[in-house]
Structure formats: structure tokens, C-alpha cells
Amino acid sequence: MATTKAQQKAVAKYESKVYDKTLIRMPKGYLPTIKDHATQRGETLNGFINRAITETVERDNSGKPAPIKVEKETEE
């Protein structure tokens, strides 16, 4: 079923309130490897990237929790 313009507008409004967005760049051809890695672990690409960032921040800060804890996203 196609989404209406009103639905698209509502989703965009909601996302702008609860999410920050950024663009990441990686070497050409690397994205499929990362997607496969996430999928093998039952994660979305976004969930994997957020987990990787959170774990790196915690490791870099001697085990202190990252400022924002990200809940694991799973594929449904």
C-alpha cells in the first residue's frame, strides 16, 4: 500500500524530533560486508552501527557508559 503525503509528513516530523542524522562514507564495496555482518548477528545496519559506536565510546572512556545508551535494533 502506498503511503500518503500526510503519512510521509508525519513520519518526517516524528523522526526530526527523536533522531539526529548523519552521513557516513566508507570505501566503495565495503557496505555489503557491513550489512552481511549485521544480518548474521540479527541486527539492522543502523543498530549495528550504533552498537559499534556505543561500544567504542565506552572502551575509549575506560568502561564508562556512553552518554546515551542505544537499545539493540533487531530485524523483524
N, C-alpha and C. Protein backbone atom coordinates (compact mmCIF):
# COMPACT_ATOMS: atom_id res chain seq x y z
N MET A 1 0.84 -1.17 0.00
CA MET A 1 0.00 0.00 0.00
C MET A 1 0.89 1.25 0.00
N ALA A 2 0.59 2.18 -0.80
CA ALA A 2 1.36 3.42 -0.91
C ALA A 2 1.05 4.32 0.28
N THR A 3 2.07 5.05 0.71
CA THR A 3 1.86 5.99 1.80
C THR A 3 1.39 7.33 1.25
N THR A 4 0.58 7.99 2.03
CA THR A 4 0.08 9.30 1.60
C THR A 4 1.10 10.37 1.96
N LYS A 5 0.93 11.54 1.37
CA LYS A 5 1.81 12.66 1.69
C LYS A 5 1.67 13.05 3.16
N ALA A 6 0.48 12.92 3.71
CA ALA A 6 0.26 13.24 5.13
C ALA A 6 1.04 12.28 6.02
N GLN A 7 1.04 10.98 5.65
CA GLN A 7 1.81 10.00 6.42
C GLN A 7 3.30 10.29 6.34
N GLN A 8 3.78 10.60 5.15
CA GLN A 8 5.20 10.91 4.97
C GLN A 8 5.59 12.13 5.80
N LYS A 9 4.73 13.13 5.81
CA LYS A 9 4.99 14.35 6.59
C LYS A 9 5.02 14.03 8.08
N ALA A 10 4.09 13.19 8.53
CA ALA A 10 4.04 12.83 9.95
C ALA A 10 5.29 12.06 10.36
N VAL A 11 5.73 11.15 9.53
CA VAL A 11 6.95 10.38 9.82
C VAL A 11 8.16 11.30 9.86
N ALA A 12 8.26 12.20 8.91
CA ALA A 12 9.38 13.15 8.88
C ALA A 12 9.38 14.03 10.12
N LYS A 13 8.23 14.47 10.55
CA LYS A 13 8.12 15.30 11.75
C LYS A 13 8.56 14.53 12.98
N TYR A 14 8.09 13.30 13.11
CA TYR A 14 8.46 12.45 14.25
C TYR A 14 9.97 12.20 14.25
N GLU A 15 10.52 11.81 13.10
CA GLU A 15 11.95 11.50 13.03
C GLU A 15 12.80 12.72 13.36
N SER A 16 12.36 13.90 12.95
CA SER A 16 13.15 15.10 13.25
C SER A 16 13.17 15.40 14.74
N LYS A 17 12.15 14.94 15.46
CA LYS A 17 12.10 15.16 16.90
C LYS A 17 12.97 14.17 17.68
N VAL A 18 13.05 12.93 17.21
CA VAL A 18 13.69 11.89 18.03
C VAL A 18 15.04 11.41 17.51
N TYR A 19 15.42 11.80 16.31
CA TYR A 19 16.68 11.31 15.76
C TYR A 19 17.55 12.45 15.24
N ASP A 20 18.86 12.27 15.41
CA ASP A 20 19.83 13.06 14.69
C ASP A 20 20.28 12.19 13.52
N LYS A 21 20.59 12.79 12.41
CA LYS A 21 21.02 12.03 11.24
C LYS A 21 22.39 12.53 10.78
N THR A 22 23.16 11.61 10.24
CA THR A 22 24.45 11.97 9.67
C THR A 22 24.72 11.04 8.49
N LEU A 23 25.60 11.47 7.66
CA LEU A 23 26.02 10.68 6.51
C LEU A 23 27.38 10.08 6.84
N ILE A 24 27.55 8.80 6.57
CA ILE A 24 28.87 8.21 6.73
C ILE A 24 29.37 7.76 5.37
N ARG A 25 30.67 7.85 5.20
CA ARG A 25 31.29 7.42 3.95
C ARG A 25 32.25 6.30 4.26
N MET A 26 32.32 5.35 3.37
CA MET A 26 33.23 4.22 3.53
C MET A 26 33.75 3.83 2.16
N PRO A 27 34.82 3.05 2.13
CA PRO A 27 35.37 2.65 0.84
C PRO A 27 34.32 1.92 -0.01
N LYS A 28 34.35 2.17 -1.29
CA LYS A 28 33.42 1.54 -2.23
C LYS A 28 33.48 0.02 -2.07
N GLY A 29 32.33 -0.59 -1.98
CA GLY A 29 32.24 -2.05 -1.88
C GLY A 29 32.25 -2.58 -0.46
N TYR A 30 32.44 -1.73 0.55
CA TYR A 30 32.51 -2.17 1.93
C TYR A 30 31.12 -2.32 2.56
N LEU A 31 30.15 -1.58 2.09
CA LEU A 31 28.81 -1.61 2.67
C LEU A 31 28.19 -3.00 2.69
N PRO A 32 28.26 -3.78 1.61
CA PRO A 32 27.68 -5.13 1.67
C PRO A 32 28.31 -6.00 2.76
N THR A 33 29.60 -5.83 3.01
CA THR A 33 30.28 -6.59 4.05
C THR A 33 29.71 -6.23 5.42
N ILE A 34 29.49 -4.95 5.65
CA ILE A 34 28.95 -4.50 6.93
C ILE A 34 27.50 -4.95 7.09
N LYS A 35 26.71 -4.84 6.03
CA LYS A 35 25.32 -5.30 6.09
C LYS A 35 25.25 -6.79 6.40
N ASP A 36 26.09 -7.59 5.73
CA ASP A 36 26.11 -9.04 5.98
C ASP A 36 26.50 -9.33 7.42
N HIS A 37 27.48 -8.63 7.94
CA HIS A 37 27.93 -8.81 9.32
C HIS A 37 26.77 -8.54 10.29
N ALA A 38 26.06 -7.44 10.08
CA ALA A 38 24.94 -7.10 10.94
C ALA A 38 23.83 -8.15 10.83
N THR A 39 23.50 -8.54 9.63
CA THR A 39 22.44 -9.51 9.40
C THR A 39 22.74 -10.85 10.07
N GLN A 40 23.99 -11.29 9.99
CA GLN A 40 24.39 -12.54 10.62
C GLN A 40 24.20 -12.51 12.14
N ARG A 41 24.18 -11.33 12.71
CA ARG A 41 24.01 -11.18 14.15
C ARG A 41 22.59 -10.75 14.52
N GLY A 42 21.70 -10.76 13.55
CA GLY A 42 20.30 -10.42 13.81
C GLY A 42 20.07 -8.94 14.06
N GLU A 43 20.95 -8.10 13.52
CA GLU A 43 20.84 -6.66 13.72
C GLU A 43 20.54 -5.96 12.40
N THR A 44 19.95 -4.79 12.51
CA THR A 44 19.83 -3.93 11.34
C THR A 44 21.18 -3.25 11.14
N LEU A 45 21.38 -2.69 9.98
CA LEU A 45 22.61 -1.94 9.72
C LEU A 45 22.72 -0.78 10.70
N ASN A 46 21.63 -0.05 10.89
CA ASN A 46 21.63 1.08 11.81
C ASN A 46 21.92 0.62 13.25
N GLY A 47 21.31 -0.47 13.67
CA GLY A 47 21.54 -0.99 15.01
C GLY A 47 22.99 -1.39 15.22
N PHE A 48 23.57 -2.03 14.21
CA PHE A 48 24.98 -2.42 14.31
C PHE A 48 25.89 -1.20 14.41
N ILE A 49 25.65 -0.21 13.57
CA ILE A 49 26.50 0.98 13.59
C ILE A 49 26.39 1.69 14.93
N ASN A 50 25.17 1.82 15.46
CA ASN A 50 25.00 2.45 16.77
C ASN A 50 25.68 1.65 17.87
N ARG A 51 25.57 0.33 17.82
CA ARG A 51 26.23 -0.51 18.83
C ARG A 51 27.74 -0.36 18.73
N ALA A 52 28.27 -0.36 17.53
CA ALA A 52 29.72 -0.22 17.35
C ALA A 52 30.20 1.11 17.90
N ILE A 53 29.46 2.16 17.65
CA ILE A 53 29.84 3.48 18.16
C ILE A 53 29.77 3.50 19.69
N THR A 54 28.66 3.00 20.26
CA THR A 54 28.48 2.99 21.71
C THR A 54 29.59 2.19 22.40
N GLU A 55 29.89 1.01 21.88
CA GLU A 55 30.93 0.18 22.49
C GLU A 55 32.30 0.83 22.38
N THR A 56 32.57 1.50 21.28
CA THR A 56 33.86 2.17 21.11
C THR A 56 33.99 3.34 22.07
N VAL A 57 32.92 4.12 22.23
CA VAL A 57 32.95 5.25 23.17
C VAL A 57 33.20 4.73 24.58
N GLU A 58 32.50 3.66 24.97
CA GLU A 58 32.69 3.09 26.31
C GLU A 58 34.12 2.58 26.49
N ARG A 59 34.65 1.91 25.50
CA ARG A 59 36.02 1.40 25.58
C ARG A 59 37.02 2.54 25.67
N ASP A 60 36.82 3.57 24.86
CA ASP A 60 37.72 4.71 24.86
C ASP A 60 37.65 5.50 26.16
N ASN A 61 36.53 5.40 26.87
CA ASN A 61 36.35 6.12 28.13
C ASN A 61 36.54 5.20 29.33
N SER A 62 37.41 4.21 29.18
CA SER A 62 37.75 3.28 30.27
C SER A 62 36.54 2.61 30.89
N GLY A 63 35.59 2.22 30.07
CA GLY A 63 34.45 1.46 30.54
C GLY A 63 33.28 2.30 31.03
N LYS A 64 33.42 3.62 31.06
CA LYS A 64 32.30 4.46 31.46
C LYS A 64 31.22 4.35 30.40
N PRO A 65 29.97 4.28 30.82
CA PRO A 65 28.89 4.20 29.82
C PRO A 65 28.91 5.38 28.86
N ALA A 66 28.51 5.12 27.64
CA ALA A 66 28.37 6.19 26.66
C ALA A 66 27.27 7.12 27.16
N PRO A 67 27.32 8.40 26.79
CA PRO A 67 26.32 9.36 27.26
C PRO A 67 24.88 8.92 26.98
N ILE A 68 24.66 8.25 25.87
CA ILE A 68 23.32 7.78 25.53
C ILE A 68 23.43 6.30 25.22
N LYS A 69 22.67 5.48 25.91
CA LYS A 69 22.68 4.05 25.67
C LYS A 69 21.68 3.75 24.56
N VAL A 70 22.12 3.06 23.53
CA VAL A 70 21.27 2.75 22.39
C VAL A 70 20.75 1.33 22.55
N GLU A 71 19.44 1.17 22.43
CA GLU A 71 18.85 -0.15 22.51
C GLU A 71 19.09 -0.90 21.23
N LYS A 72 19.30 -2.20 21.33
CA LYS A 72 19.57 -3.02 20.16
C LYS A 72 18.35 -3.06 19.24
N GLU A 73 18.60 -2.81 17.97
CA GLU A 73 17.54 -2.92 16.97
C GLU A 73 17.68 -4.29 16.32
N THR A 74 16.57 -4.99 16.18
CA THR A 74 16.60 -6.29 15.55
C THR A 74 15.69 -6.27 14.33
N GLU A 75 16.00 -7.13 13.40
CA GLU A 75 15.16 -7.22 12.19
C GLU A 75 13.91 -7.97 12.54
N GLU A 76 12.82 -7.55 11.99
CA GLU A 76 11.54 -8.23 12.25
C GLU A 76 11.02 -8.85 10.99
